[in-house]
Amino acid sequence: MKREDDQFEWIPIHSIARLIVNYLRYAPKHIAKLRIVRSLIHTFFSQGLIVKSSLGAKLSLNYKDYIAWSILSTGAYEPKSIQLASSLLKDGGVFIDIGANFGLWTCALGALPNVHCISIEPFAFNFLELQKNLALNQSVNFKLFNLALAQSEMLLNMECINIANLGMARVVLSDSDLSTSCLSHTVSATTLQSLIEFSDIKEITLMKIDVEGYELPILNGMDWSSNLRPRNIIIEFTDYSSRAQGNGKKSVLDFFTNYGYEGMTIDGQELNLEASILEDNAYFRDTAH
């Protein structure tokens, strides 16, 4: 029986790529399997292996990246979270993607009818990949921002502590926090409130946040008493969250609870501060709507 989240299963568009990926996903494991797959992808698709969802969204995947490899090997990444987002955007609306990385969420959800994407990615390498993927999706209605968000206007240092997982790009909190073996650069930051006002947004249906522990400085850069507050929020919810300030998951939960949001897991369960949750994402719903 077909699952709801199958619409966010990613299938290679090239016949050779489909053979390689099917071998990766379904062939029995053996000692040389991964080496063979990586060699074949490097030989035939060194510039990126393009996959497509049933909704028509496309992604060019770099097999050396952790998230891209997860998609190639399993067919999806965070499918339950993206399915929830899809249901929240079923009637269209504005989707703000904070920490867009190479565009998984923006491209997947931007393929939905009447969805307008605001896509924010501060890390330079990721932003180039995001542009590359949006160029494959001509029907997506989007605005791109190559900047960071913070509590006020400032300059921030960015780094990626693991070049095999560019989704780990993060704000450097201090000189002692900077790794000597990573990609790094400085980026301008503005507030979420300023970005929303600049974009002339009237209502936010959904905001997704994945910023490797810099959630609270971003959230504190918005007027949560205004009618521009998002109706729905999906946010990374781990004890790595709020690395910049606060106390992990509890700080995120307390923040949204204080502003009148109801928190739950993406499959509708009660949030548990003591245990990991499905896909490490929480869902917060504005109880005023």
C-alpha atoms as a PDB file:
ATOM      1  CA  MET A   1       0.000   0.000   0.000  1.00  0.00           C
ATOM      2  CA  LYS A   2       1.341   3.425  -0.903  1.00  0.00           C
ATOM      3  CA  ARG A   3       2.269   5.605   2.082  1.00  0.00           C
ATOM      4  CA  GLU A   4       1.440   9.320   2.271  1.00  0.00           C
ATOM      5  CA  ASP A   5       5.104  10.241   2.559  1.00  0.00           C
ATOM      6  CA  ASP A   6       5.941   8.322  -0.633  1.00  0.00           C
ATOM      7  CA  GLN A   7       5.311  11.590  -2.480  1.00  0.00           C
ATOM      8  CA  PHE A   8       8.593  12.731  -0.923  1.00  0.00           C
ATOM      9  CA  GLU A   9      10.550   9.666  -1.943  1.00  0.00           C
ATOM     10  CA  TRP A  10      13.301  10.747  -4.323  1.00  0.00           C
ATOM     11  CA  ILE A  11      13.894   8.687  -7.481  1.00  0.00           C
ATOM     12  CA  PRO A  12      16.810   9.225  -9.920  1.00  0.00           C
ATOM     13  CA  ILE A  13      15.731  10.611 -13.288  1.00  0.00           C
ATOM     14  CA  HIS A  14      18.571   9.016 -15.275  1.00  0.00           C
ATOM     15  CA  SER A  15      18.316   5.312 -16.117  1.00  0.00           C
ATOM     16  CA  ILE A  16      21.935   4.576 -15.160  1.00  0.00           C
ATOM     17  CA  ALA A  17      21.455   6.444 -11.899  1.00  0.00           C
ATOM     18  CA  ARG A  18      18.339   4.386 -11.143  1.00  0.00           C
ATOM     19  CA  LEU A  19      20.315   1.171 -11.600  1.00  0.00           C
ATOM     20  CA  ILE A  20      23.055   2.386  -9.267  1.00  0.00           C
ATOM     21  CA  VAL A  21      20.624   3.622  -6.618  1.00  0.00           C
ATOM     22  CA  ASN A  22      18.474   0.482  -6.772  1.00  0.00           C
ATOM     23  CA  TYR A  23      21.631  -1.561  -6.264  1.00  0.00           C
ATOM     24  CA  LEU A  24      22.533   0.639  -3.293  1.00  0.00           C
ATOM     25  CA  ARG A  25      19.076   0.427  -1.699  1.00  0.00           C
ATOM     26  CA  TYR A  26      18.081  -3.172  -2.362  1.00  0.00           C
ATOM     27  CA  ALA A  27      21.089  -5.390  -3.140  1.00  0.00           C
ATOM     28  CA  PRO A  28      22.425  -7.558  -0.286  1.00  0.00           C
ATOM     29  CA  LYS A  29      25.241  -6.019   1.723  1.00  0.00           C
ATOM     30  CA  HIS A  30      28.792  -7.080   1.028  1.00  0.00           C
ATOM     31  CA  ILE A  31      32.214  -5.718   1.833  1.00  0.00           C
ATOM     32  CA  ALA A  32      32.732  -3.868  -1.456  1.00  0.00           C
ATOM     33  CA  LYS A  33      29.190  -2.614  -2.037  1.00  0.00           C
ATOM     34  CA  LEU A  34      29.581   0.993  -0.881  1.00  0.00           C
ATOM     35  CA  ARG A  35      32.941   1.348  -2.605  1.00  0.00           C
ATOM     36  CA  ILE A  36      31.409   0.152  -5.889  1.00  0.00           C
ATOM     37  CA  VAL A  37      28.450   2.535  -5.580  1.00  0.00           C
ATOM     38  CA  ARG A  38      30.583   5.559  -4.768  1.00  0.00           C
ATOM     39  CA  SER A  39      32.931   4.767  -7.639  1.00  0.00           C
ATOM     40  CA  LEU A  40      30.039   4.467 -10.105  1.00  0.00           C
ATOM     41  CA  ILE A  41      28.420   7.711  -8.958  1.00  0.00           C
ATOM     42  CA  HIS A  42      31.744   9.514  -9.137  1.00  0.00           C
ATOM     43  CA  THR A  43      32.334   8.159 -12.658  1.00  0.00           C
ATOM     44  CA  PHE A  44      28.925   8.985 -14.121  1.00  0.00           C
ATOM     45  CA  PHE A  45      27.536  11.778 -11.917  1.00  0.00           C
ATOM     46  CA  SER A  46      30.448  13.665 -10.408  1.00  0.00           C
ATOM     47  CA  GLN A  47      28.586  16.971 -10.907  1.00  0.00           C
ATOM     48  CA  GLY A  48      25.539  15.729  -9.043  1.00  0.00           C
ATOM     49  CA  LEU A  49      23.031  12.908  -9.309  1.00  0.00           C
ATOM     50  CA  ILE A  50      19.565  14.334 -10.001  1.00  0.00           C
ATOM     51  CA  VAL A  51      16.549  12.844  -8.236  1.00  0.00           C
ATOM     52  CA  LYS A  52      12.863  13.700  -8.525  1.00  0.00           C
ATOM     53  CA  SER A  53       9.824  13.436  -6.247  1.00  0.00           C
ATOM     54  CA  SER A  54       6.367  12.393  -7.430  1.00  0.00           C
ATOM     55  CA  LEU A  55       5.327  16.057  -7.131  1.00  0.00           C
ATOM     56  CA  GLY A  56       7.962  16.979  -9.702  1.00  0.00           C
ATOM     57  CA  ALA A  57      10.543  18.547  -7.403  1.00  0.00           C
ATOM     58  CA  LYS A  58      14.173  17.927  -8.372  1.00  0.00           C
ATOM     59  CA  LEU A  59      17.420  17.843  -6.413  1.00  0.00           C
ATOM     60  CA  SER A  60      21.009  17.495  -7.536  1.00  0.00           C
ATOM     61  CA  LEU A  61      22.765  15.430  -4.882  1.00  0.00           C
ATOM     62  CA  ASN A  62      26.441  15.339  -3.963  1.00  0.00           C
ATOM     63  CA  TYR A  63      26.984  11.753  -2.813  1.00  0.00           C
ATOM     64  CA  LYS A  64      29.771  12.871  -0.455  1.00  0.00           C
ATOM     65  CA  ASP A  65      27.318  14.808   1.711  1.00  0.00           C
ATOM     66  CA  TYR A  66      25.595  13.065   4.637  1.00  0.00           C
ATOM     67  CA  ILE A  67      22.021  14.205   3.891  1.00  0.00           C
ATOM     68  CA  ALA A  68      22.381  13.612   0.159  1.00  0.00           C
ATOM     69  CA  TRP A  69      23.754  10.132   0.812  1.00  0.00           C
ATOM     70  CA  SER A  70      20.815   9.404   3.114  1.00  0.00           C
ATOM     71  CA  ILE A  71      18.436  10.321   0.291  1.00  0.00           C
ATOM     72  CA  LEU A  72      20.330   8.165  -2.189  1.00  0.00           C
ATOM     73  CA  SER A  73      20.502   5.173   0.137  1.00  0.00           C
ATOM     74  CA  THR A  74      16.994   5.273   1.655  1.00  0.00           C
ATOM     75  CA  GLY A  75      14.951   7.393  -0.760  1.00  0.00           C
ATOM     76  CA  ALA A  76      14.183  10.187   1.704  1.00  0.00           C
ATOM     77  CA  TYR A  77      15.380  12.425   4.511  1.00  0.00           C
ATOM     78  CA  GLU A  78      12.990  13.629   7.228  1.00  0.00           C
ATOM     79  CA  PRO A  79       9.990  12.374   5.208  1.00  0.00           C
ATOM     80  CA  LYS A  80       7.547  12.494   8.148  1.00  0.00           C
ATOM     81  CA  SER A  81       8.477  16.089   8.906  1.00  0.00           C
ATOM     82  CA  ILE A  82       8.152  17.123   5.273  1.00  0.00           C
ATOM     83  CA  GLN A  83       4.823  15.291   5.007  1.00  0.00           C
ATOM     84  CA  LEU A  84       3.528  17.250   8.013  1.00  0.00           C
ATOM     85  CA  ALA A  85       4.742  20.463   6.388  1.00  0.00           C
ATOM     86  CA  SER A  86       2.974  19.477   3.176  1.00  0.00           C
ATOM     87  CA  SER A  87      -0.317  18.993   5.025  1.00  0.00           C
ATOM     88  CA  LEU A  88       0.054  22.407   6.654  1.00  0.00           C
ATOM     89  CA  LEU A  89       0.647  23.963   3.218  1.00  0.00           C
ATOM     90  CA  LYS A  90      -2.088  22.024   1.391  1.00  0.00           C
ATOM     91  CA  ASP A  91      -3.975  25.264   0.698  1.00  0.00           C
ATOM     92  CA  GLY A  92      -0.816  27.186  -0.202  1.00  0.00           C
ATOM     93  CA  GLY A  93       0.761  29.987   1.792  1.00  0.00           C
ATOM     94  CA  VAL A  94       4.147  31.395   2.765  1.00  0.00           C
ATOM     95  CA  PHE A  95       6.846  28.950   3.837  1.00  0.00           C
ATOM     96  CA  ILE A  96       9.995  30.346   5.491  1.00  0.00           C
ATOM     97  CA  ASP A  97      12.943  27.949   5.371  1.00  0.00           C
ATOM     98  CA  ILE A  98      15.579  29.081   7.895  1.00  0.00           C
ATOM     99  CA  GLY A  99      18.713  27.030   7.389  1.00  0.00           C
ATOM    100  CA  ALA A 100      17.769  25.854   3.910  1.00  0.00           C
ATOM    101  CA  ASN A 101      21.057  24.013   3.244  1.00  0.00           C
ATOM    102  CA  PHE A 102      20.984  22.720  -0.374  1.00  0.00           C
ATOM    103  CA  GLY A 103      17.214  23.144  -0.674  1.00  0.00           C
ATOM    104  CA  LEU A 104      15.573  19.857   0.315  1.00  0.00           C
ATOM    105  CA  TRP A 105      12.617  21.482   2.101  1.00  0.00           C
ATOM    106  CA  THR A 106      12.367  24.493  -0.223  1.00  0.00           C
ATOM    107  CA  CYS A 107      12.283  22.397  -3.382  1.00  0.00           C
ATOM    108  CA  ALA A 108      10.004  19.675  -1.970  1.00  0.00           C
ATOM    109  CA  LEU A 109       7.418  22.090  -0.562  1.00  0.00           C
ATOM    110  CA  GLY A 110       7.821  24.703  -3.281  1.00  0.00           C
ATOM    111  CA  ALA A 111       6.463  22.140  -5.728  1.00  0.00           C
ATOM    112  CA  LEU A 112       3.088  22.353  -3.953  1.00  0.00           C
ATOM    113  CA  PRO A 113       0.440  24.616  -5.530  1.00  0.00           C
ATOM    114  CA  ASN A 114       0.333  28.248  -4.352  1.00  0.00           C
ATOM    115  CA  VAL A 115       3.276  27.955  -1.963  1.00  0.00           C
ATOM    116  CA  HIS A 116       5.668  30.894  -1.796  1.00  0.00           C
ATOM    117  CA  CYS A 117       9.098  30.082  -0.306  1.00  0.00           C
ATOM    118  CA  ILE A 118      11.409  32.416   1.577  1.00  0.00           C
ATOM    119  CA  SER A 119      14.677  30.492   1.677  1.00  0.00           C
ATOM    120  CA  ILE A 120      17.509  31.591   3.985  1.00  0.00           C
ATOM    121  CA  GLU A 121      20.975  30.036   3.955  1.00  0.00           C
ATOM    122  CA  PRO A 122      24.038  31.883   5.313  1.00  0.00           C
ATOM    123  CA  PHE A 123      26.785  29.365   4.555  1.00  0.00           C
ATOM    124  CA  ALA A 124      28.342  30.177   1.183  1.00  0.00           C
ATOM    125  CA  PHE A 125      28.904  26.641  -0.118  1.00  0.00           C
ATOM    126  CA  ASN A 126      25.387  25.563   0.817  1.00  0.00           C
ATOM    127  CA  PHE A 127      23.924  28.663  -0.800  1.00  0.00           C
ATOM    128  CA  LEU A 128      25.572  27.806  -4.111  1.00  0.00           C
ATOM    129  CA  GLU A 129      24.048  24.315  -3.947  1.00  0.00           C
ATOM    130  CA  LEU A 130      20.679  25.867  -3.046  1.00  0.00           C
ATOM    131  CA  GLN A 131      20.821  28.100  -6.131  1.00  0.00           C
ATOM    132  CA  LYS A 132      21.791  25.106  -8.251  1.00  0.00           C
ATOM    133  CA  ASN A 133      18.804  23.097  -7.045  1.00  0.00           C
ATOM    134  CA  LEU A 134      16.302  25.922  -7.412  1.00  0.00           C
ATOM    135  CA  ALA A 135      17.469  26.346 -11.002  1.00  0.00           C
ATOM    136  CA  LEU A 136      16.163  22.797 -11.564  1.00  0.00           C
ATOM    137  CA  ASN A 137      12.734  23.799 -10.225  1.00  0.00           C
ATOM    138  CA  GLN A 138      11.416  26.544 -12.452  1.00  0.00           C
ATOM    139  CA  SER A 139       7.881  26.303 -11.048  1.00  0.00           C
ATOM    140  CA  VAL A 140       8.943  27.104  -7.469  1.00  0.00           C
ATOM    141  CA  ASN A 141       8.003  30.601  -6.307  1.00  0.00           C
ATOM    142  CA  PHE A 142      10.852  31.745  -4.076  1.00  0.00           C
ATOM    143  CA  LYS A 143      13.043  34.496  -2.684  1.00  0.00           C
ATOM    144  CA  LEU A 144      16.595  33.652  -1.650  1.00  0.00           C
ATOM    145  CA  PHE A 145      18.604  35.266   1.130  1.00  0.00           C
ATOM    146  CA  ASN A 146      22.326  34.600   1.541  1.00  0.00           C
ATOM    147  CA  LEU A 147      22.576  35.958   5.066  1.00  0.00           C
ATOM    148  CA  ALA A 148      22.258  34.947   8.687  1.00  0.00           C
ATOM    149  CA  LEU A 149      19.565  35.801  11.206  1.00  0.00           C
ATOM    150  CA  ALA A 150      20.257  37.048  14.724  1.00  0.00           C
ATOM    151  CA  GLN A 151      18.811  39.119  17.532  1.00  0.00           C
ATOM    152  CA  SER A 152      20.157  42.331  15.969  1.00  0.00           C
ATOM    153  CA  GLU A 153      22.087  43.572  12.940  1.00  0.00           C
ATOM    154  CA  MET A 154      25.660  42.258  13.137  1.00  0.00           C
ATOM    155  CA  LEU A 155      28.456  40.287  11.510  1.00  0.00           C
ATOM    156  CA  LEU A 156      28.753  36.593  12.342  1.00  0.00           C
ATOM    157  CA  ASN A 157      31.426  34.011  11.690  1.00  0.00           C
ATOM    158  CA  MET A 158      30.191  30.791  10.089  1.00  0.00           C
ATOM    159  CA  GLU A 159      31.909  27.424  10.004  1.00  0.00           C
ATOM    160  CA  CYS A 160      31.291  23.823   9.030  1.00  0.00           C
ATOM    161  CA  ILE A 161      32.958  21.394  11.405  1.00  0.00           C
ATOM    162  CA  ASN A 162      32.400  18.412   9.106  1.00  0.00           C
ATOM    163  CA  ILE A 163      32.793  18.895   5.362  1.00  0.00           C
ATOM    164  CA  ALA A 164      31.067  15.542   4.826  1.00  0.00           C
ATOM    165  CA  ASN A 165      27.910  16.987   6.421  1.00  0.00           C
ATOM    166  CA  LEU A 166      27.350  20.564   5.323  1.00  0.00           C
ATOM    167  CA  GLY A 167      24.053  20.554   7.189  1.00  0.00           C
ATOM    168  CA  MET A 168      26.228  21.089  10.275  1.00  0.00           C
ATOM    169  CA  ALA A 169      27.249  24.601   9.168  1.00  0.00           C
ATOM    170  CA  ARG A 170      26.821  26.847  12.194  1.00  0.00           C
ATOM    171  CA  VAL A 171      27.508  30.203  13.785  1.00  0.00           C
ATOM    172  CA  VAL A 172      30.848  30.419  15.603  1.00  0.00           C
ATOM    173  CA  LEU A 173      30.157  31.563  19.161  1.00  0.00           C
ATOM    174  CA  SER A 174      33.736  32.421  20.160  1.00  0.00           C
ATOM    175  CA  ASP A 175      37.298  32.239  18.857  1.00  0.00           C
ATOM    176  CA  SER A 176      37.876  29.152  20.981  1.00  0.00           C
ATOM    177  CA  ASP A 177      34.835  27.531  19.352  1.00  0.00           C
ATOM    178  CA  LEU A 178      36.365  27.749  15.863  1.00  0.00           C
ATOM    179  CA  SER A 179      37.813  24.532  14.482  1.00  0.00           C
ATOM    180  CA  THR A 180      41.167  24.747  12.686  1.00  0.00           C
ATOM    181  CA  SER A 181      40.126  22.136  10.135  1.00  0.00           C
ATOM    182  CA  CYS A 182      36.880  23.489   8.786  1.00  0.00           C
ATOM    183  CA  LEU A 183      35.383  25.746   6.158  1.00  0.00           C
ATOM    184  CA  SER A 184      34.664  29.203   7.578  1.00  0.00           C
ATOM    185  CA  HIS A 185      33.736  32.744   6.546  1.00  0.00           C
ATOM    186  CA  THR A 186      31.997  35.887   7.837  1.00  0.00           C
ATOM    187  CA  VAL A 187      28.421  36.761   6.934  1.00  0.00           C
ATOM    188  CA  SER A 188      26.059  39.670   7.554  1.00  0.00           C
ATOM    189  CA  ALA A 189      23.112  39.030   9.858  1.00  0.00           C
ATOM    190  CA  THR A 190      19.778  40.763  10.135  1.00  0.00           C
ATOM    191  CA  THR A 191      16.716  40.121  12.268  1.00  0.00           C
ATOM    192  CA  LEU A 192      13.853  37.843  11.333  1.00  0.00           C
ATOM    193  CA  GLN A 193      11.490  40.799  11.797  1.00  0.00           C
ATOM    194  CA  SER A 194      13.462  42.926   9.307  1.00  0.00           C
ATOM    195  CA  LEU A 195      13.585  40.122   6.759  1.00  0.00           C
ATOM    196  CA  ILE A 196       9.839  39.529   6.999  1.00  0.00           C
ATOM    197  CA  GLU A 197       9.069  43.232   6.648  1.00  0.00           C
ATOM    198  CA  PHE A 198      11.476  43.566   3.701  1.00  0.00           C
ATOM    199  CA  SER A 199       9.782  40.627   1.979  1.00  0.00           C
ATOM    200  CA  ASP A 200       6.376  42.311   2.354  1.00  0.00           C
ATOM    201  CA  ILE A 201       4.864  39.168   3.878  1.00  0.00           C
ATOM    202  CA  LYS A 202       1.319  39.452   5.205  1.00  0.00           C
ATOM    203  CA  GLU A 203       0.979  36.021   6.817  1.00  0.00           C
ATOM    204  CA  ILE A 204       3.303  33.082   7.500  1.00  0.00           C
ATOM    205  CA  THR A 205       1.725  29.650   7.202  1.00  0.00           C
ATOM    206  CA  LEU A 206       4.825  27.662   8.169  1.00  0.00           C
ATOM    207  CA  MET A 207       8.350  28.380   9.334  1.00  0.00           C
ATOM    208  CA  LYS A 208      11.014  25.661   9.535  1.00  0.00           C
ATOM    209  CA  ILE A 209      14.180  26.248  11.587  1.00  0.00           C
ATOM    210  CA  ASP A 210      17.331  24.137  11.461  1.00  0.00           C
ATOM    211  CA  VAL A 211      20.285  26.258  12.578  1.00  0.00           C
ATOM    212  CA  GLU A 212      22.509  23.996  14.681  1.00  0.00           C
ATOM    213  CA  GLY A 213      21.879  25.536  18.085  1.00  0.00           C
ATOM    214  CA  TYR A 214      21.343  29.198  17.151  1.00  0.00           C
ATOM    215  CA  GLU A 215      17.560  29.114  17.491  1.00  0.00           C
ATOM    216  CA  LEU A 216      16.986  31.524  20.369  1.00  0.00           C
ATOM    217  CA  PRO A 217      19.018  34.470  19.005  1.00  0.00           C
ATOM    218  CA  ILE A 218      17.001  34.143  15.788  1.00  0.00           C
ATOM    219  CA  LEU A 219      13.665  33.864  17.584  1.00  0.00           C
ATOM    220  CA  ASN A 220      14.505  36.862  19.773  1.00  0.00           C
ATOM    221  CA  GLY A 221      14.890  38.941  16.612  1.00  0.00           C
ATOM    222  CA  MET A 222      11.131  38.914  15.962  1.00  0.00           C
ATOM    223  CA  ASP A 223       8.130  40.694  17.441  1.00  0.00           C
ATOM    224  CA  TRP A 224       5.991  37.756  18.554  1.00  0.00           C
ATOM    225  CA  SER A 225       3.099  40.015  19.504  1.00  0.00           C
ATOM    226  CA  SER A 226       2.578  41.029  15.873  1.00  0.00           C
ATOM    227  CA  ASN A 227       0.138  39.480  13.431  1.00  0.00           C
ATOM    228  CA  LEU A 228       3.136  38.295  11.398  1.00  0.00           C
ATOM    229  CA  ARG A 229       3.975  35.511  13.845  1.00  0.00           C
ATOM    230  CA  PRO A 230       3.978  32.119  12.066  1.00  0.00           C
ATOM    231  CA  ARG A 231       0.899  29.957  12.389  1.00  0.00           C
ATOM    232  CA  ASN A 232       3.042  26.798  12.418  1.00  0.00           C
ATOM    233  CA  ILE A 233       6.698  26.088  13.212  1.00  0.00           C
ATOM    234  CA  ILE A 234       8.775  22.953  12.676  1.00  0.00           C
ATOM    235  CA  ILE A 235      12.108  23.193  14.480  1.00  0.00           C
ATOM    236  CA  GLU A 236      15.065  20.953  15.238  1.00  0.00           C
ATOM    237  CA  PHE A 237      14.511  19.797  18.813  1.00  0.00           C
ATOM    238  CA  THR A 238      17.595  18.303  20.393  1.00  0.00           C
ATOM    239  CA  ASP A 239      19.811  19.196  23.319  1.00  0.00           C
ATOM    240  CA  TYR A 240      22.196  20.639  20.770  1.00  0.00           C
ATOM    241  CA  SER A 241      19.461  23.201  20.210  1.00  0.00           C
ATOM    242  CA  SER A 242      20.032  26.555  21.900  1.00  0.00           C
ATOM    243  CA  ARG A 243      23.814  26.080  21.878  1.00  0.00           C
ATOM    244  CA  ALA A 244      24.088  29.883  21.781  1.00  0.00           C
ATOM    245  CA  GLN A 245      22.061  30.425  24.944  1.00  0.00           C
ATOM    246  CA  GLY A 246      19.491  28.694  27.113  1.00  0.00           C
ATOM    247  CA  ASN A 247      19.091  25.084  28.142  1.00  0.00           C
ATOM    248  CA  GLY A 248      18.594  22.920  25.089  1.00  0.00           C
ATOM    249  CA  LYS A 249      15.141  21.577  24.307  1.00  0.00           C
ATOM    250  CA  LYS A 250      13.596  23.076  27.434  1.00  0.00           C
ATOM    251  CA  SER A 251      14.542  26.602  26.334  1.00  0.00           C
ATOM    252  CA  VAL A 252      12.874  26.113  22.961  1.00  0.00           C
ATOM    253  CA  LEU A 253       9.760  24.602  24.541  1.00  0.00           C
ATOM    254  CA  ASP A 254       9.532  27.370  27.144  1.00  0.00           C
ATOM    255  CA  PHE A 255       9.982  30.074  24.511  1.00  0.00           C
ATOM    256  CA  PHE A 256       7.088  28.935  22.360  1.00  0.00           C
ATOM    257  CA  THR A 257       4.860  28.024  25.299  1.00  0.00           C
ATOM    258  CA  ASN A 258       5.295  31.543  26.700  1.00  0.00           C
ATOM    259  CA  TYR A 259       4.113  32.967  23.388  1.00  0.00           C
ATOM    260  CA  GLY A 260       1.010  30.810  23.208  1.00  0.00           C
ATOM    261  CA  TYR A 261       2.153  27.934  21.012  1.00  0.00           C
ATOM    262  CA  GLU A 262       1.265  24.298  21.582  1.00  0.00           C
ATOM    263  CA  GLY A 263       4.186  21.902  21.136  1.00  0.00           C
ATOM    264  CA  MET A 264       4.153  18.290  20.010  1.00  0.00           C
ATOM    265  CA  THR A 265       6.187  15.796  18.019  1.00  0.00           C
ATOM    266  CA  ILE A 266       5.684  15.702  14.281  1.00  0.00           C
ATOM    267  CA  ASP A 267       3.513  12.604  14.712  1.00  0.00           C
ATOM    268  CA  GLY A 268       1.302  14.338  17.279  1.00  0.00           C
ATOM    269  CA  GLN A 269       2.771  12.953  20.502  1.00  0.00           C
ATOM    270  CA  GLU A 270       3.648  14.875  23.660  1.00  0.00           C
ATOM    271  CA  LEU A 271       7.127  16.387  23.621  1.00  0.00           C
ATOM    272  CA  ASN A 272       9.566  14.483  25.841  1.00  0.00           C
ATOM    273  CA  LEU A 273      12.535  16.463  27.132  1.00  0.00           C
ATOM    274  CA  GLU A 274      14.283  13.310  28.273  1.00  0.00           C
ATOM    275  CA  ALA A 275      14.249  11.295  25.048  1.00  0.00           C
ATOM    276  CA  SER A 276      14.980  11.721  21.357  1.00  0.00           C
ATOM    277  CA  ILE A 277      11.950  12.238  19.132  1.00  0.00           C
ATOM    278  CA  LEU A 278      11.028  11.240  15.609  1.00  0.00           C
ATOM    279  CA  GLU A 279      13.408  12.861  13.099  1.00  0.00           C
ATOM    280  CA  ASP A 280      14.603  15.210  15.905  1.00  0.00           C
ATOM    281  CA  ASN A 281      11.952  17.761  14.969  1.00  0.00           C
ATOM    282  CA  ALA A 282       9.186  19.371  17.036  1.00  0.00           C
ATOM    283  CA  TYR A 283       6.001  20.997  15.793  1.00  0.00           C
ATOM    284  CA  PHE A 284       4.621  24.147  17.398  1.00  0.00           C
ATOM    285  CA  ARG A 285       1.133  25.426  16.534  1.00  0.00           C
ATOM    286  CA  ASP A 286      -0.164  28.904  17.318  1.00  0.00           C
ATOM    287  CA  THR A 287      -3.205  28.297  19.534  1.00  0.00           C
ATOM    288  CA  ALA A 288      -4.670  31.659  18.499  1.00  0.00           C
ATOM    289  CA  HIS A 289      -5.468  30.226  15.040  1.00  0.00           C
END
